[in-house]
Amino acid sequence: MLDIDGYGWSCCRCSVSNEEIDLFARVSSDHNELHYGPGRIAHGALLLAKLSAAITGRFGHGTVMLGETTLKVGRPVKPDECFYISIGPLVPVEKSKLKLQTADVLLYGWSGSQRKDIISGSVSIKLPTVERHALLANAESIAA
């Protein structure tokens, strides 16, 4: 993740390959015709998985993106199309027993000189506790 503005926003460059779309269709059993043949597009849930991976990359292993999201879908993504995931700074949720935080997110691409939003909104995030982070790091070192 790259800090893009000095205000806590970070960004990473992504794409979705034909192979990833095929694998996701098999794993999810989502065989909608939109995801096959000429003009195919990536699954929306596959893009959310990319977002989840970017959030983990930004905030560390054990970070969980919760279902409390306000996301707006703008346009589809084609195979091998370059797009960007930007994640804003964390904002604590007041009176949250789970110590949740929110972050604004944006997946976008470019058409000429115009930015075209793919997904935008905010997500609720639960950061790992120090104990859970240490446990995950230990599990990774044992597996390696």
Protein backbone atom coordinates (compact mmCIF):
# COMPACT_ATOMS: atom_id res chain seq x y z
CA MET A 1 0.00 0.00 0.00
CA LEU A 2 1.23 3.42 -0.92
CA ASP A 3 0.39 6.57 1.07
CA ILE A 4 -1.04 8.79 -1.64
CA ASP A 5 -1.82 12.10 -0.03
CA GLY A 6 -0.21 12.46 3.38
CA TYR A 7 -3.66 12.39 5.05
CA GLY A 8 -3.83 8.68 5.75
CA TRP A 9 -5.21 7.48 2.41
CA SER A 10 -3.36 4.58 0.83
CA CYS A 11 -3.65 3.01 -2.60
CA CYS A 12 -2.73 -0.20 -4.40
CA ARG A 13 -2.97 -1.23 -8.04
CA CYS A 14 -4.93 -4.37 -8.93
CA SER A 15 -6.40 -6.40 -11.74
CA VAL A 16 -8.49 -9.55 -12.09
CA SER A 17 -7.36 -12.21 -14.56
CA ASN A 18 -9.53 -14.54 -16.64
CA GLU A 19 -8.17 -17.41 -14.54
CA GLU A 20 -9.24 -15.69 -11.28
CA ILE A 21 -12.75 -15.18 -12.67
CA ASP A 22 -12.94 -18.86 -13.70
CA LEU A 23 -11.65 -20.06 -10.31
CA PHE A 24 -14.04 -17.77 -8.43
CA ALA A 25 -16.96 -19.08 -10.50
CA ARG A 26 -16.03 -22.64 -9.57
CA VAL A 27 -15.57 -21.90 -5.88
CA SER A 28 -18.70 -19.74 -5.56
CA SER A 29 -20.89 -21.75 -7.98
CA ASP A 30 -21.80 -18.41 -9.58
CA HIS A 31 -22.01 -19.35 -13.25
CA ASN A 32 -23.93 -16.30 -14.42
CA GLU A 33 -23.42 -15.76 -18.15
CA LEU A 34 -22.04 -12.26 -17.43
CA HIS A 35 -18.85 -13.96 -16.27
CA TYR A 36 -18.26 -16.01 -19.47
CA GLY A 37 -17.51 -15.35 -23.12
CA PRO A 38 -16.89 -12.09 -24.91
CA GLY A 39 -17.52 -9.02 -22.80
CA ARG A 40 -17.25 -11.00 -19.56
CA ILE A 41 -16.95 -9.14 -16.26
CA ALA A 42 -15.56 -10.00 -12.84
CA HIS A 43 -17.86 -11.12 -10.03
CA GLY A 44 -18.74 -8.34 -7.59
CA ALA A 45 -17.88 -10.64 -4.69
CA LEU A 46 -14.44 -11.23 -6.22
CA LEU A 47 -13.85 -7.47 -6.17
CA LEU A 48 -14.92 -7.39 -2.52
CA ALA A 49 -12.40 -10.17 -1.82
CA LYS A 50 -9.70 -7.97 -3.42
CA LEU A 51 -10.86 -5.11 -1.17
CA SER A 52 -10.68 -7.37 1.89
CA ALA A 53 -7.13 -8.41 0.95
CA ALA A 54 -6.13 -4.75 0.54
CA ILE A 55 -7.60 -3.94 3.96
CA THR A 56 -5.61 -6.80 5.51
CA GLY A 57 -2.50 -5.55 3.73
CA ARG A 58 -3.07 -2.08 5.12
CA PHE A 59 -3.98 -2.91 8.72
CA GLY A 60 -2.39 -6.34 9.31
CA HIS A 61 -3.28 -10.02 9.57
CA GLY A 62 -6.33 -10.71 11.67
CA THR A 63 -8.14 -7.57 10.48
CA VAL A 64 -11.77 -8.34 9.68
CA MET A 65 -14.01 -6.42 7.28
CA LEU A 66 -17.46 -6.74 8.80
CA GLY A 67 -20.83 -6.82 7.08
CA GLU A 68 -21.66 -3.31 8.27
CA THR A 69 -20.81 -1.58 5.03
CA THR A 70 -22.28 1.14 2.88
CA LEU A 71 -20.94 0.38 -0.56
CA LYS A 72 -22.21 1.64 -3.88
CA VAL A 73 -21.41 -0.27 -7.07
CA GLY A 74 -20.63 1.97 -10.03
CA ARG A 75 -19.47 -0.14 -12.96
CA PRO A 76 -18.14 -3.61 -13.79
CA VAL A 77 -14.51 -4.67 -14.20
CA LYS A 78 -13.26 -6.54 -17.26
CA PRO A 79 -10.51 -9.18 -17.16
CA ASP A 80 -6.98 -7.76 -16.97
CA GLU A 81 -8.29 -4.21 -16.56
CA CYS A 82 -6.13 -2.18 -14.19
CA PHE A 83 -7.96 -0.64 -11.24
CA TYR A 84 -6.99 0.90 -7.93
CA ILE A 85 -8.11 0.34 -4.36
CA SER A 86 -7.85 3.35 -2.06
CA ILE A 87 -8.44 3.06 1.68
CA GLY A 88 -8.93 6.05 3.94
CA PRO A 89 -7.81 6.50 7.54
CA LEU A 90 -9.60 4.65 10.33
CA VAL A 91 -12.28 6.49 12.28
CA PRO A 92 -13.42 5.00 15.64
CA VAL A 93 -17.12 4.13 15.91
CA GLU A 94 -18.47 5.80 19.05
CA LYS A 95 -20.08 3.56 21.68
CA SER A 96 -18.97 0.40 19.87
CA LYS A 97 -18.63 -2.55 22.25
CA LEU A 98 -16.56 -4.35 19.61
CA LYS A 99 -14.19 -1.36 19.23
CA LEU A 100 -15.08 -1.06 15.57
CA GLN A 101 -13.61 1.49 13.25
CA THR A 102 -14.69 2.60 9.80
CA ALA A 103 -12.71 3.51 6.72
CA ASP A 104 -13.79 5.05 3.45
CA VAL A 105 -12.90 2.92 0.45
CA LEU A 106 -12.83 3.45 -3.29
CA LEU A 107 -12.17 1.05 -6.16
CA TYR A 108 -11.72 2.96 -9.41
CA GLY A 109 -10.31 2.82 -12.89
CA TRP A 110 -9.67 5.32 -15.64
CA SER A 111 -11.27 5.92 -19.00
CA GLY A 112 -9.01 8.37 -20.76
CA SER A 113 -8.53 11.16 -18.24
CA GLN A 114 -11.77 10.48 -16.32
CA ARG A 115 -11.90 8.49 -13.10
CA LYS A 116 -14.63 5.84 -13.21
CA ASP A 117 -15.74 4.55 -9.80
CA ILE A 118 -16.23 0.80 -9.47
CA ILE A 119 -17.15 0.56 -5.77
CA SER A 120 -17.25 3.39 -3.23
CA GLY A 121 -18.43 3.83 0.34
CA SER A 122 -17.30 2.88 3.81
CA VAL A 123 -16.63 -0.38 5.63
CA SER A 124 -16.59 -1.38 9.29
CA ILE A 125 -13.30 -2.89 10.37
CA LYS A 126 -12.32 -4.85 13.46
CA LEU A 127 -8.59 -4.66 14.08
CA PRO A 128 -6.87 -7.62 15.69
CA THR A 129 -6.04 -7.45 19.36
CA VAL A 130 -2.35 -7.57 20.23
CA GLU A 131 -2.87 -11.12 21.53
CA ARG A 132 -4.63 -12.29 18.34
CA HIS A 133 -2.03 -10.63 16.13
CA ALA A 134 0.76 -12.46 18.03
CA LEU A 135 -1.16 -15.76 17.77
CA LEU A 136 -1.59 -15.35 14.00
CA ALA A 137 2.08 -14.45 13.55
CA ASN A 138 3.09 -17.53 15.56
CA ALA A 139 0.78 -19.78 13.49
CA GLU A 140 2.31 -18.42 10.28
CA SER A 141 5.85 -19.10 11.48
CA ILE A 142 4.93 -22.68 12.45
CA ALA A 143 3.32 -23.28 9.05
CA ALA A 144 6.39 -22.00 7.20
